[in-house]
Amino acid sequence: MTIVTTVLLARSKFPSDGPTSSLVTHYLAGAGIASGVIVAPPTVFGLTVYLLAPSMRHLFERLLLYPLFGAAALVFLFLAVTTWKPDPDTPASSMNNAASLVNAAATSALVTSGIIVTAAGILVSNFWLTLYFDARRCHPYDHVALFLLGAAAHIRREHHRWHDDSRVTSWRASLEVVAIQVERDASLSRRTGMAEGSAHVELREEARRIAAVIRSHKRALAQAHSRHDVDAVVASLVYGLRAFCAGDRTALLANAPDQVAPRVSRFTRAALRLAPATVLIAAGILLPLVPAIAHSELASSLRWYLIVMGAIMFITTREDLATKISEAVAKVLLK
């Protein structure tokens, strides 16, 4: 917050000369553009994950908050290091007014992004502090027990709808949430730390095996042919809940598979492909706006080259094909 305030005081310019209506319009335009650039990508990202990955829906607030903080920080840094000047072709008689309007829009955008960075940063800090103090007050498996209790209650409450495909899908998604929480908490990473390599690896493997037991109930739900089949799954989950509450790791591992390979979700695979592509596309949009690059003859070519490369990187995973296309595009645009 101190850094944001310092940058705002050092970089903000609130011109008073120039037409009042034009200044207000540019202030509003700067704030609107900054807000749109910051809010739109996290919103699209969060809604996409919410719709395509039901098991991630309990993280929806974080899926919006973290990207929002990251986008606001990037926009704020970009505005903080960029100097905005009116078009050199502007007549000398209008240069002062043009400079005032440009400064008004830039300052408004900088202040808006600074406010969003500060607000999102406070929310993120509050979230992590809450988790930290909750973890200090709770037993190791308390969160898992709460998640498992919620999933079991959810399924038992609606067991008469075993024939409803959407309900079964919802039950399976809730079990995936529990399994993810088991992988996180049953590894006891807060107690072992990364330094104790053998103990950390062993507990992490056991956590995956316990999570595999939770996931095995997803198939039982998919194959359920009556409410009694669903009740059998609920009874098994309650047994696991009692074992978690008692800290009985032996009981939790009794029916676990001997070995489980690390899982990479579809969302993770998509994110690994989307992240570098997004960076290239964002660079293609933002870099040509930097004054030193904007006046170059290759600014437009650079923009399209980076955007095309980002799209290609997302579409194909074949490096040889992407390399050939990038070389061809470079020859045409950057010759």
C-alpha atoms as a PDB file:
ATOM      1  CA  MET A   1       0.000   0.000   0.000  1.00  0.00           C
ATOM      2  CA  THR A   2       2.895   2.344   0.797  1.00  0.00           C
ATOM      3  CA  ILE A   3       4.478   1.644  -2.594  1.00  0.00           C
ATOM      4  CA  VAL A   4       1.195   2.320  -4.386  1.00  0.00           C
ATOM      5  CA  THR A   5       0.730   5.604  -2.517  1.00  0.00           C
ATOM      6  CA  THR A   6       4.294   6.706  -3.273  1.00  0.00           C
ATOM      7  CA  VAL A   7       3.919   5.974  -6.982  1.00  0.00           C
ATOM      8  CA  LEU A   8       0.580   7.785  -7.128  1.00  0.00           C
ATOM      9  CA  LEU A   9       2.020  10.870  -5.467  1.00  0.00           C
ATOM     10  CA  ALA A  10       5.063  10.857  -7.725  1.00  0.00           C
ATOM     11  CA  ARG A  11       3.339  10.135 -11.039  1.00  0.00           C
ATOM     12  CA  SER A  12      -0.141  11.635 -10.754  1.00  0.00           C
ATOM     13  CA  LYS A  13      -0.825  14.884 -12.572  1.00  0.00           C
ATOM     14  CA  PHE A  14      -4.173  16.614 -12.216  1.00  0.00           C
ATOM     15  CA  PRO A  15      -4.175  19.368 -14.844  1.00  0.00           C
ATOM     16  CA  SER A  16      -6.534  22.287 -14.323  1.00  0.00           C
ATOM     17  CA  ASP A  17      -6.019  23.997 -17.683  1.00  0.00           C
ATOM     18  CA  GLY A  18      -8.083  22.964 -20.664  1.00  0.00           C
ATOM     19  CA  PRO A  19     -11.828  22.679 -21.265  1.00  0.00           C
ATOM     20  CA  THR A  20     -13.541  21.420 -18.109  1.00  0.00           C
ATOM     21  CA  SER A  21     -15.919  19.126 -20.001  1.00  0.00           C
ATOM     22  CA  SER A  22     -13.037  17.551 -21.927  1.00  0.00           C
ATOM     23  CA  LEU A  23     -11.014  17.025 -18.749  1.00  0.00           C
ATOM     24  CA  VAL A  24     -13.935  15.297 -17.028  1.00  0.00           C
ATOM     25  CA  THR A  25     -14.511  13.152 -20.101  1.00  0.00           C
ATOM     26  CA  HIS A  26     -10.847  12.075 -20.187  1.00  0.00           C
ATOM     27  CA  TYR A  27     -10.810  11.393 -16.450  1.00  0.00           C
ATOM     28  CA  LEU A  28     -13.830   9.137 -16.860  1.00  0.00           C
ATOM     29  CA  ALA A  29     -12.398   7.522 -20.003  1.00  0.00           C
ATOM     30  CA  GLY A  30      -9.107   6.746 -18.281  1.00  0.00           C
ATOM     31  CA  ALA A  31     -10.859   5.218 -15.274  1.00  0.00           C
ATOM     32  CA  GLY A  32     -13.220   3.235 -17.491  1.00  0.00           C
ATOM     33  CA  ILE A  33     -10.495   1.836 -19.724  1.00  0.00           C
ATOM     34  CA  ALA A  34      -8.311   0.861 -16.757  1.00  0.00           C
ATOM     35  CA  SER A  35     -11.249  -0.798 -15.004  1.00  0.00           C
ATOM     36  CA  GLY A  36     -12.233  -2.692 -18.146  1.00  0.00           C
ATOM     37  CA  VAL A  37      -8.696  -3.932 -18.820  1.00  0.00           C
ATOM     38  CA  ILE A  38      -8.317  -5.060 -15.203  1.00  0.00           C
ATOM     39  CA  VAL A  39     -11.738  -6.595 -14.556  1.00  0.00           C
ATOM     40  CA  ALA A  40     -12.562  -8.277 -17.867  1.00  0.00           C
ATOM     41  CA  PRO A  41      -9.804 -10.973 -18.052  1.00  0.00           C
ATOM     42  CA  PRO A  42     -10.235 -12.236 -14.447  1.00  0.00           C
ATOM     43  CA  THR A  43     -14.003 -12.327 -14.902  1.00  0.00           C
ATOM     44  CA  VAL A  44     -13.749 -14.337 -18.123  1.00  0.00           C
ATOM     45  CA  PHE A  45     -11.177 -16.635 -16.509  1.00  0.00           C
ATOM     46  CA  GLY A  46     -13.258 -17.218 -13.383  1.00  0.00           C
ATOM     47  CA  LEU A  47     -16.501 -17.861 -15.255  1.00  0.00           C
ATOM     48  CA  THR A  48     -14.762 -20.224 -17.695  1.00  0.00           C
ATOM     49  CA  VAL A  49     -13.336 -22.296 -14.857  1.00  0.00           C
ATOM     50  CA  TYR A  50     -16.675 -22.213 -13.030  1.00  0.00           C
ATOM     51  CA  LEU A  51     -18.481 -23.607 -16.075  1.00  0.00           C
ATOM     52  CA  LEU A  52     -15.861 -26.106 -17.286  1.00  0.00           C
ATOM     53  CA  ALA A  53     -14.500 -27.418 -13.967  1.00  0.00           C
ATOM     54  CA  PRO A  54     -17.309 -28.110 -11.453  1.00  0.00           C
ATOM     55  CA  SER A  55     -14.799 -29.385  -8.874  1.00  0.00           C
ATOM     56  CA  MET A  56     -13.237 -25.909  -8.768  1.00  0.00           C
ATOM     57  CA  ARG A  57     -16.445 -24.019  -8.028  1.00  0.00           C
ATOM     58  CA  HIS A  58     -15.723 -23.828  -4.306  1.00  0.00           C
ATOM     59  CA  LEU A  59     -12.668 -21.763  -5.289  1.00  0.00           C
ATOM     60  CA  PHE A  60     -14.684 -19.300  -7.377  1.00  0.00           C
ATOM     61  CA  GLU A  61     -13.937 -16.293  -5.161  1.00  0.00           C
ATOM     62  CA  ARG A  62     -10.210 -16.993  -5.320  1.00  0.00           C
ATOM     63  CA  LEU A  63     -10.394 -17.612  -9.077  1.00  0.00           C
ATOM     64  CA  LEU A  64     -11.662 -14.041  -9.405  1.00  0.00           C
ATOM     65  CA  LEU A  65      -9.639 -12.358  -6.667  1.00  0.00           C
ATOM     66  CA  TYR A  66      -6.127 -13.583  -7.499  1.00  0.00           C
ATOM     67  CA  PRO A  67      -6.285 -12.833 -11.256  1.00  0.00           C
ATOM     68  CA  LEU A  68      -7.865  -9.463 -10.412  1.00  0.00           C
ATOM     69  CA  PHE A  69      -4.958  -8.586  -8.130  1.00  0.00           C
ATOM     70  CA  GLY A  70      -2.438  -9.768 -10.730  1.00  0.00           C
ATOM     71  CA  ALA A  71      -4.085  -7.868 -13.598  1.00  0.00           C
ATOM     72  CA  ALA A  72      -4.367  -4.696 -11.521  1.00  0.00           C
ATOM     73  CA  ALA A  73      -0.709  -4.931 -10.492  1.00  0.00           C
ATOM     74  CA  LEU A  74       0.421  -5.368 -14.106  1.00  0.00           C
ATOM     75  CA  VAL A  75      -1.669  -2.444 -15.350  1.00  0.00           C
ATOM     76  CA  PHE A  76      -0.495  -0.271 -12.447  1.00  0.00           C
ATOM     77  CA  LEU A  77       3.179  -1.059 -13.130  1.00  0.00           C
ATOM     78  CA  PHE A  78       2.707  -0.436 -16.841  1.00  0.00           C
ATOM     79  CA  LEU A  79       1.131   2.967 -16.214  1.00  0.00           C
ATOM     80  CA  ALA A  80       3.750   3.817 -13.573  1.00  0.00           C
ATOM     81  CA  VAL A  81       6.706   3.352 -15.959  1.00  0.00           C
ATOM     82  CA  THR A  82       5.098   4.727 -19.124  1.00  0.00           C
ATOM     83  CA  THR A  83       5.243   8.388 -20.078  1.00  0.00           C
ATOM     84  CA  TRP A  84       2.278   9.564 -22.117  1.00  0.00           C
ATOM     85  CA  LYS A  85       2.665  12.390 -24.598  1.00  0.00           C
ATOM     86  CA  PRO A  86       0.262  13.861 -27.145  1.00  0.00           C
ATOM     87  CA  ASP A  87       0.595  13.008 -30.810  1.00  0.00           C
ATOM     88  CA  PRO A  88       3.622  14.859 -32.319  1.00  0.00           C
ATOM     89  CA  ASP A  89       1.430  15.848 -35.267  1.00  0.00           C
ATOM     90  CA  THR A  90      -0.837  17.879 -32.974  1.00  0.00           C
ATOM     91  CA  PRO A  91      -0.736  21.599 -33.904  1.00  0.00           C
ATOM     92  CA  ALA A  92       1.357  23.737 -31.556  1.00  0.00           C
ATOM     93  CA  SER A  93      -1.685  25.849 -30.647  1.00  0.00           C
ATOM     94  CA  SER A  94      -3.464  22.770 -29.300  1.00  0.00           C
ATOM     95  CA  MET A  95      -0.417  21.066 -27.772  1.00  0.00           C
ATOM     96  CA  ASN A  96      -1.027  22.320 -24.211  1.00  0.00           C
ATOM     97  CA  ASN A  97      -4.669  21.264 -24.205  1.00  0.00           C
ATOM     98  CA  ALA A  98      -3.758  17.891 -25.700  1.00  0.00           C
ATOM     99  CA  ALA A  99      -1.074  17.336 -23.067  1.00  0.00           C
ATOM    100  CA  SER A 100      -3.558  18.199 -20.310  1.00  0.00           C
ATOM    101  CA  LEU A 101      -6.124  15.757 -21.670  1.00  0.00           C
ATOM    102  CA  VAL A 102      -3.559  12.962 -22.055  1.00  0.00           C
ATOM    103  CA  ASN A 103      -2.293  13.536 -18.507  1.00  0.00           C
ATOM    104  CA  ALA A 104      -5.856  13.561 -17.193  1.00  0.00           C
ATOM    105  CA  ALA A 105      -6.660  10.182 -18.763  1.00  0.00           C
ATOM    106  CA  ALA A 106      -3.324   8.643 -17.720  1.00  0.00           C
ATOM    107  CA  THR A 107      -3.622   9.909 -14.150  1.00  0.00           C
ATOM    108  CA  SER A 108      -7.192   8.690 -13.828  1.00  0.00           C
ATOM    109  CA  ALA A 109      -6.190   5.247 -15.099  1.00  0.00           C
ATOM    110  CA  LEU A 110      -3.202   5.141 -12.735  1.00  0.00           C
ATOM    111  CA  VAL A 111      -5.298   6.123  -9.711  1.00  0.00           C
ATOM    112  CA  THR A 112      -8.026   3.616 -10.607  1.00  0.00           C
ATOM    113  CA  SER A 113      -5.561   0.756 -11.002  1.00  0.00           C
ATOM    114  CA  GLY A 114      -3.844   1.785  -7.757  1.00  0.00           C
ATOM    115  CA  ILE A 115      -7.136   1.678  -5.861  1.00  0.00           C
ATOM    116  CA  ILE A 116      -7.941  -1.775  -7.270  1.00  0.00           C
ATOM    117  CA  VAL A 117      -4.437  -3.052  -6.433  1.00  0.00           C
ATOM    118  CA  THR A 118      -4.779  -1.826  -2.860  1.00  0.00           C
ATOM    119  CA  ALA A 119      -8.297  -3.202  -2.366  1.00  0.00           C
ATOM    120  CA  ALA A 120      -7.509  -6.586  -3.925  1.00  0.00           C
ATOM    121  CA  GLY A 121      -4.229  -6.788  -2.005  1.00  0.00           C
ATOM    122  CA  ILE A 122      -6.038  -6.189   1.288  1.00  0.00           C
ATOM    123  CA  LEU A 123      -8.575  -8.921   0.462  1.00  0.00           C
ATOM    124  CA  VAL A 124      -5.833 -11.394  -0.524  1.00  0.00           C
ATOM    125  CA  SER A 125      -3.863 -10.628   2.657  1.00  0.00           C
ATOM    126  CA  ASN A 126      -6.982 -11.011   4.783  1.00  0.00           C
ATOM    127  CA  PHE A 127      -7.744 -14.349   3.132  1.00  0.00           C
ATOM    128  CA  TRP A 128      -4.258 -15.735   3.739  1.00  0.00           C
ATOM    129  CA  LEU A 129      -4.158 -14.459   7.323  1.00  0.00           C
ATOM    130  CA  THR A 130      -7.512 -16.131   7.972  1.00  0.00           C
ATOM    131  CA  LEU A 131      -6.207 -19.421   6.585  1.00  0.00           C
ATOM    132  CA  TYR A 132      -3.033 -19.078   8.647  1.00  0.00           C
ATOM    133  CA  PHE A 133      -4.796 -18.514  11.956  1.00  0.00           C
ATOM    134  CA  ASP A 134      -7.425 -21.159  11.176  1.00  0.00           C
ATOM    135  CA  ALA A 135      -4.642 -23.649  10.505  1.00  0.00           C
ATOM    136  CA  ARG A 136      -2.985 -22.839  13.839  1.00  0.00           C
ATOM    137  CA  ARG A 137      -6.225 -23.385  15.754  1.00  0.00           C
ATOM    138  CA  CYS A 138      -7.410 -26.511  13.906  1.00  0.00           C
ATOM    139  CA  HIS A 139      -6.372 -30.157  14.035  1.00  0.00           C
ATOM    140  CA  PRO A 140      -4.636 -31.477  10.889  1.00  0.00           C
ATOM    141  CA  TYR A 141      -7.738 -33.157   9.441  1.00  0.00           C
ATOM    142  CA  ASP A 142     -10.423 -30.687  10.546  1.00  0.00           C
ATOM    143  CA  HIS A 143     -10.847 -29.103   7.114  1.00  0.00           C
ATOM    144  CA  VAL A 144     -11.017 -32.504   5.425  1.00  0.00           C
ATOM    145  CA  ALA A 145     -13.626 -33.654   7.953  1.00  0.00           C
ATOM    146  CA  LEU A 146     -15.764 -30.577   7.292  1.00  0.00           C
ATOM    147  CA  PHE A 147     -15.552 -31.009   3.528  1.00  0.00           C
ATOM    148  CA  LEU A 148     -16.333 -34.722   3.805  1.00  0.00           C
ATOM    149  CA  LEU A 149     -19.235 -34.079   6.169  1.00  0.00           C
ATOM    150  CA  GLY A 150     -20.676 -31.525   3.750  1.00  0.00           C
ATOM    151  CA  ALA A 151     -20.361 -33.912   0.789  1.00  0.00           C
ATOM    152  CA  ALA A 152     -21.931 -36.836   2.685  1.00  0.00           C
ATOM    153  CA  ALA A 153     -24.809 -34.660   3.910  1.00  0.00           C
ATOM    154  CA  HIS A 154     -25.347 -33.295   0.409  1.00  0.00           C
ATOM    155  CA  ILE A 155     -25.559 -36.776  -1.099  1.00  0.00           C
ATOM    156  CA  ARG A 156     -27.733 -38.220   1.705  1.00  0.00           C
ATOM    157  CA  ARG A 157     -30.161 -35.300   1.509  1.00  0.00           C
ATOM    158  CA  GLU A 158     -30.753 -35.900  -2.203  1.00  0.00           C
ATOM    159  CA  HIS A 159     -30.326 -39.689  -2.389  1.00  0.00           C
ATOM    160  CA  HIS A 160     -33.861 -40.071  -3.768  1.00  0.00           C
ATOM    161  CA  ARG A 161     -32.690 -38.296  -6.923  1.00  0.00           C
ATOM    162  CA  TRP A 162     -30.192 -41.023  -7.834  1.00  0.00           C
ATOM    163  CA  HIS A 163     -31.744 -41.168 -11.330  1.00  0.00           C
ATOM    164  CA  ASP A 164     -31.088 -37.451 -12.005  1.00  0.00           C
ATOM    165  CA  ASP A 165     -27.897 -37.146 -14.066  1.00  0.00           C
ATOM    166  CA  SER A 166     -27.280 -33.557 -13.012  1.00  0.00           C
ATOM    167  CA  ARG A 167     -27.527 -34.488  -9.305  1.00  0.00           C
ATOM    168  CA  VAL A 168     -25.105 -37.382  -9.704  1.00  0.00           C
ATOM    169  CA  THR A 169     -22.688 -35.092 -11.518  1.00  0.00           C
ATOM    170  CA  SER A 170     -22.949 -32.616  -8.642  1.00  0.00           C
ATOM    171  CA  TRP A 171     -22.276 -35.373  -6.081  1.00  0.00           C
ATOM    172  CA  ARG A 172     -19.229 -36.542  -8.001  1.00  0.00           C
ATOM    173  CA  ALA A 173     -17.918 -32.975  -8.190  1.00  0.00           C
ATOM    174  CA  SER A 174     -18.289 -32.582  -4.412  1.00  0.00           C
ATOM    175  CA  LEU A 175     -16.261 -35.758  -3.883  1.00  0.00           C
ATOM    176  CA  GLU A 176     -13.541 -34.405  -6.143  1.00  0.00           C
ATOM    177  CA  VAL A 177     -13.411 -31.311  -3.941  1.00  0.00           C
ATOM    178  CA  VAL A 178     -12.956 -33.560  -0.898  1.00  0.00           C
ATOM    179  CA  ALA A 179     -10.237 -35.570  -2.663  1.00  0.00           C
ATOM    180  CA  ILE A 180      -8.329 -32.398  -3.532  1.00  0.00           C
ATOM    181  CA  GLN A 181      -8.565 -31.266   0.094  1.00  0.00           C
ATOM    182  CA  VAL A 182      -7.322 -34.688   1.238  1.00  0.00           C
ATOM    183  CA  GLU A 183      -4.292 -34.454  -1.048  1.00  0.00           C
ATOM    184  CA  ARG A 184      -3.511 -31.062   0.444  1.00  0.00           C
ATOM    185  CA  ASP A 185      -4.122 -31.704   4.159  1.00  0.00           C
ATOM    186  CA  ALA A 186      -3.342 -35.407   4.567  1.00  0.00           C
ATOM    187  CA  SER A 187       0.200 -34.807   3.350  1.00  0.00           C
ATOM    188  CA  LEU A 188       0.777 -32.885   6.609  1.00  0.00           C
ATOM    189  CA  SER A 189       3.149 -30.535   4.802  1.00  0.00           C
ATOM    190  CA  ARG A 190       2.725 -27.902   7.533  1.00  0.00           C
ATOM    191  CA  ARG A 191       4.243 -30.326  10.031  1.00  0.00           C
ATOM    192  CA  THR A 192       7.007 -31.891   7.955  1.00  0.00           C
ATOM    193  CA  GLY A 193       8.172 -29.103   5.661  1.00  0.00           C
ATOM    194  CA  MET A 194       9.991 -29.564   2.379  1.00  0.00           C
ATOM    195  CA  ALA A 195      13.371 -30.069   4.070  1.00  0.00           C
ATOM    196  CA  GLU A 196      12.468 -33.527   5.356  1.00  0.00           C
ATOM    197  CA  GLY A 197      12.441 -35.116   1.939  1.00  0.00           C
ATOM    198  CA  SER A 198      11.700 -38.755   2.775  1.00  0.00           C
ATOM    199  CA  ALA A 199       8.942 -38.053   5.296  1.00  0.00           C
ATOM    200  CA  HIS A 200       7.348 -35.440   3.043  1.00  0.00           C
ATOM    201  CA  VAL A 201       7.342 -37.768   0.019  1.00  0.00           C
ATOM    202  CA  GLU A 202       5.964 -40.689   2.015  1.00  0.00           C
ATOM    203  CA  LEU A 203       3.124 -38.676   3.533  1.00  0.00           C
ATOM    204  CA  ARG A 204       2.305 -37.110   0.178  1.00  0.00           C
ATOM    205  CA  GLU A 205       2.038 -40.572  -1.420  1.00  0.00           C
ATOM    206  CA  GLU A 206      -0.232 -41.721   1.392  1.00  0.00           C
ATOM    207  CA  ALA A 207      -2.394 -38.627   0.904  1.00  0.00           C
ATOM    208  CA  ARG A 208      -2.791 -39.509  -2.777  1.00  0.00           C
ATOM    209  CA  ARG A 209      -3.772 -43.053  -1.844  1.00  0.00           C
ATOM    210  CA  ILE A 210      -6.401 -41.805   0.625  1.00  0.00           C
ATOM    211  CA  ALA A 211      -7.699 -39.374  -1.996  1.00  0.00           C
ATOM    212  CA  ALA A 212      -7.951 -42.297  -4.431  1.00  0.00           C
ATOM    213  CA  VAL A 213     -10.310 -44.026  -1.971  1.00  0.00           C
ATOM    214  CA  ILE A 214     -12.509 -40.909  -1.971  1.00  0.00           C
ATOM    215  CA  ARG A 215     -12.441 -40.800  -5.767  1.00  0.00           C
ATOM    216  CA  SER A 216     -13.385 -44.478  -6.013  1.00  0.00           C
ATOM    217  CA  HIS A 217     -16.823 -43.543  -4.684  1.00  0.00           C
ATOM    218  CA  LYS A 218     -17.386 -41.382  -7.761  1.00  0.00           C
ATOM    219  CA  ARG A 219     -17.673 -44.500  -9.890  1.00  0.00           C
ATOM    220  CA  ALA A 220     -20.052 -46.104  -7.391  1.00  0.00           C
ATOM    221  CA  LEU A 221     -22.282 -43.035  -7.642  1.00  0.00           C
ATOM    222  CA  ALA A 222     -22.187 -43.106 -11.436  1.00  0.00           C
ATOM    223  CA  GLN A 223     -23.258 -46.774 -11.377  1.00  0.00           C
ATOM    224  CA  ALA A 224     -25.895 -46.353  -8.671  1.00  0.00           C
ATOM    225  CA  HIS A 225     -29.169 -48.065  -9.591  1.00  0.00           C
ATOM    226  CA  SER A 226     -31.183 -47.225  -6.488  1.00  0.00           C
ATOM    227  CA  ARG A 227     -31.135 -45.040  -3.416  1.00  0.00           C
ATOM    228  CA  HIS A 228     -29.703 -47.985  -1.479  1.00  0.00           C
ATOM    229  CA  ASP A 229     -26.592 -47.883  -3.671  1.00  0.00           C
ATOM    230  CA  VAL A 230     -26.266 -44.181  -2.863  1.00  0.00           C
ATOM    231  CA  ASP A 231     -26.774 -44.860   0.851  1.00  0.00           C
ATOM    232  CA  ALA A 232     -23.949 -47.406   0.734  1.00  0.00           C
ATOM    233  CA  VAL A 233     -21.622 -44.696  -0.571  1.00  0.00           C
ATOM    234  CA  VAL A 234     -22.780 -42.312   2.169  1.00  0.00           C
ATOM    235  CA  ALA A 235     -22.136 -44.994   4.829  1.00  0.00           C
ATOM    236  CA  SER A 236     -18.601 -45.475   3.503  1.00  0.00           C
ATOM    237  CA  LEU A 237     -18.002 -41.728   3.553  1.00  0.00           C
ATOM    238  CA  VAL A 238     -19.241 -41.514   7.157  1.00  0.00           C
ATOM    239  CA  TYR A 239     -16.828 -44.290   8.097  1.00  0.00           C
ATOM    240  CA  GLY A 240     -14.023 -42.282   6.534  1.00  0.00           C
ATOM    241  CA  LEU A 241     -15.239 -39.178   8.346  1.00  0.00           C
ATOM    242  CA  ARG A 242     -14.961 -40.976  11.688  1.00  0.00           C
ATOM    243  CA  ALA A 243     -11.441 -42.112  10.792  1.00  0.00           C
ATOM    244  CA  PHE A 244     -10.427 -38.544   9.938  1.00  0.00           C
ATOM    245  CA  CYS A 245     -11.911 -37.220  13.183  1.00  0.00           C
ATOM    246  CA  ALA A 246     -10.024 -39.894  15.139  1.00  0.00           C
ATOM    247  CA  GLY A 247      -6.826 -39.321  13.178  1.00  0.00           C
ATOM    248  CA  ASP A 248      -6.788 -43.047  12.336  1.00  0.00           C
ATOM    249  CA  ARG A 249      -4.506 -43.047   9.316  1.00  0.00           C
ATOM    250  CA  THR A 250      -4.297 -46.858   9.314  1.00  0.00           C
ATOM    251  CA  ALA A 251      -8.063 -47.142   8.802  1.00  0.00           C
ATOM    252  CA  LEU A 252      -7.943 -44.537   6.048  1.00  0.00           C
ATOM    253  CA  LEU A 253      -5.257 -46.523   4.209  1.00  0.00           C
ATOM    254  CA  ALA A 254      -6.886 -49.933   4.747  1.00  0.00           C
ATOM    255  CA  ASN A 255      -8.670 -49.982   1.361  1.00  0.00           C
ATOM    256  CA  ALA A 256      -6.309 -47.644  -0.469  1.00  0.00           C
ATOM    257  CA  PRO A 257      -4.428 -48.756  -3.612  1.00  0.00           C
ATOM    258  CA  ASP A 258      -0.742 -49.543  -3.164  1.00  0.00           C
ATOM    259  CA  GLN A 259       0.372 -46.815  -5.543  1.00  0.00           C
ATOM    260  CA  VAL A 260      -1.272 -43.847  -7.234  1.00  0.00           C
ATOM    261  CA  ALA A 261       0.240 -41.817 -10.050  1.00  0.00           C
ATOM    262  CA  PRO A 262       0.148 -38.017  -9.705  1.00  0.00           C
ATOM    263  CA  ARG A 263      -2.956 -36.578 -11.341  1.00  0.00           C
ATOM    264  CA  VAL A 264      -2.922 -33.681 -13.770  1.00  0.00           C
ATOM    265  CA  SER A 265      -6.404 -32.247 -14.184  1.00  0.00           C
ATOM    266  CA  ARG A 266      -7.796 -30.982 -17.455  1.00  0.00           C
ATOM    267  CA  PHE A 267      -7.858 -27.508 -15.991  1.00  0.00           C
ATOM    268  CA  THR A 268      -4.154 -27.724 -15.115  1.00  0.00           C
ATOM    269  CA  ARG A 269      -3.269 -28.932 -18.600  1.00  0.00           C
ATOM    270  CA  ALA A 270      -5.301 -26.133 -20.150  1.00  0.00           C
ATOM    271  CA  ALA A 271      -3.713 -23.577 -17.815  1.00  0.00           C
ATOM    272  CA  LEU A 272      -0.203 -24.762 -18.741  1.00  0.00           C
ATOM    273  CA  ARG A 273      -1.016 -24.151 -22.395  1.00  0.00           C
ATOM    274  CA  LEU A 274      -2.958 -20.957 -21.817  1.00  0.00           C
ATOM    275  CA  ALA A 275      -0.442 -19.159 -19.588  1.00  0.00           C
ATOM    276  CA  PRO A 276       2.418 -18.705 -22.125  1.00  0.00           C
ATOM    277  CA  ALA A 277      -0.071 -17.977 -24.904  1.00  0.00           C
ATOM    278  CA  THR A 278      -1.727 -15.303 -22.767  1.00  0.00           C
ATOM    279  CA  VAL A 279       1.640 -13.725 -21.970  1.00  0.00           C
ATOM    280  CA  LEU A 280       2.520 -13.480 -25.676  1.00  0.00           C
ATOM    281  CA  ILE A 281      -0.862 -12.010 -26.614  1.00  0.00           C
ATOM    282  CA  ALA A 282      -0.704  -9.523 -23.732  1.00  0.00           C
ATOM    283  CA  ALA A 283       2.819  -8.541 -24.790  1.00  0.00           C
ATOM    284  CA  GLY A 284       1.582  -8.059 -28.335  1.00  0.00           C
ATOM    285  CA  ILE A 285      -1.126  -5.703 -27.109  1.00  0.00           C
ATOM    286  CA  LEU A 286       0.858  -3.768 -24.507  1.00  0.00           C
ATOM    287  CA  LEU A 287       4.430  -3.533 -25.823  1.00  0.00           C
ATOM    288  CA  PRO A 288       3.553  -1.477 -28.933  1.00  0.00           C
ATOM    289  CA  LEU A 289       1.927   1.061 -26.578  1.00  0.00           C
ATOM    290  CA  VAL A 290       5.272   1.873 -24.963  1.00  0.00           C
ATOM    291  CA  PRO A 291       6.332   5.199 -26.500  1.00  0.00           C
ATOM    292  CA  ALA A 292       9.852   4.016 -27.368  1.00  0.00           C
ATOM    293  CA  ILE A 293       8.374   1.130 -29.387  1.00  0.00           C
ATOM    294  CA  ALA A 294       5.246   2.886 -30.611  1.00  0.00           C
ATOM    295  CA  HIS A 295       7.266   5.284 -32.784  1.00  0.00           C
ATOM    296  CA  SER A 296       9.115   2.398 -34.439  1.00  0.00           C
ATOM    297  CA  GLU A 297       8.094   1.292 -37.923  1.00  0.00           C
ATOM    298  CA  LEU A 298       7.949  -2.301 -36.702  1.00  0.00           C
ATOM    299  CA  ALA A 299       5.468  -1.654 -33.872  1.00  0.00           C
ATOM    300  CA  SER A 300       2.461  -2.928 -35.822  1.00  0.00           C
ATOM    301  CA  SER A 301       4.388  -5.933 -37.122  1.00  0.00           C
ATOM    302  CA  LEU A 302       5.600  -6.759 -33.622  1.00  0.00           C
ATOM    303  CA  ARG A 303       2.050  -6.604 -32.284  1.00  0.00           C
ATOM    304  CA  TRP A 304       0.670  -9.028 -34.851  1.00  0.00           C
ATOM    305  CA  TYR A 305       3.666 -11.335 -34.619  1.00  0.00           C
ATOM    306  CA  LEU A 306       3.282 -11.781 -30.856  1.00  0.00           C
ATOM    307  CA  ILE A 307      -0.505 -12.166 -31.065  1.00  0.00           C
ATOM    308  CA  VAL A 308      -0.246 -14.782 -33.835  1.00  0.00           C
ATOM    309  CA  MET A 309       2.460 -16.655 -31.905  1.00  0.00           C
ATOM    310  CA  GLY A 310       0.305 -16.671 -28.773  1.00  0.00           C
ATOM    311  CA  ALA A 311      -2.640 -18.104 -30.716  1.00  0.00           C
ATOM    312  CA  ILE A 312      -0.435 -20.761 -32.336  1.00  0.00           C
ATOM    313  CA  MET A 313       1.085 -21.753 -28.995  1.00  0.00           C
ATOM    314  CA  PHE A 314      -2.390 -22.321 -27.550  1.00  0.00           C
ATOM    315  CA  ILE A 315      -3.736 -24.219 -30.559  1.00  0.00           C
ATOM    316  CA  THR A 316      -0.880 -26.689 -31.084  1.00  0.00           C
ATOM    317  CA  THR A 317       1.509 -28.506 -28.749  1.00  0.00           C
ATOM    318  CA  ARG A 318       3.897 -29.516 -31.522  1.00  0.00           C
ATOM    319  CA  GLU A 319       7.014 -27.407 -31.104  1.00  0.00           C
ATOM    320  CA  ASP A 320       8.329 -28.164 -34.596  1.00  0.00           C
ATOM    321  CA  LEU A 321       5.099 -26.958 -36.209  1.00  0.00           C
ATOM    322  CA  ALA A 322       4.974 -23.824 -34.032  1.00  0.00           C
ATOM    323  CA  THR A 323       8.610 -23.063 -34.899  1.00  0.00           C
ATOM    324  CA  LYS A 324       8.002 -23.382 -38.634  1.00  0.00           C
ATOM    325  CA  ILE A 325       4.957 -21.125 -38.499  1.00  0.00           C
ATOM    326  CA  SER A 326       6.753 -18.545 -36.336  1.00  0.00           C
ATOM    327  CA  GLU A 327       9.672 -18.424 -38.782  1.00  0.00           C
ATOM    328  CA  ALA A 328       7.292 -17.924 -41.707  1.00  0.00           C
ATOM    329  CA  VAL A 329       5.365 -15.196 -39.904  1.00  0.00           C
ATOM    330  CA  ALA A 330       8.609 -13.468 -38.862  1.00  0.00           C
ATOM    331  CA  LYS A 331       9.852 -13.392 -42.451  1.00  0.00           C
ATOM    332  CA  VAL A 332       6.647 -11.703 -43.607  1.00  0.00           C
ATOM    333  CA  LEU A 333       6.041  -9.248 -40.761  1.00  0.00           C
ATOM    334  CA  LEU A 334       9.552  -8.416 -39.566  1.00  0.00           C
ATOM    335  CA  LYS A 335      11.443  -8.347 -42.848  1.00  0.00           C
END
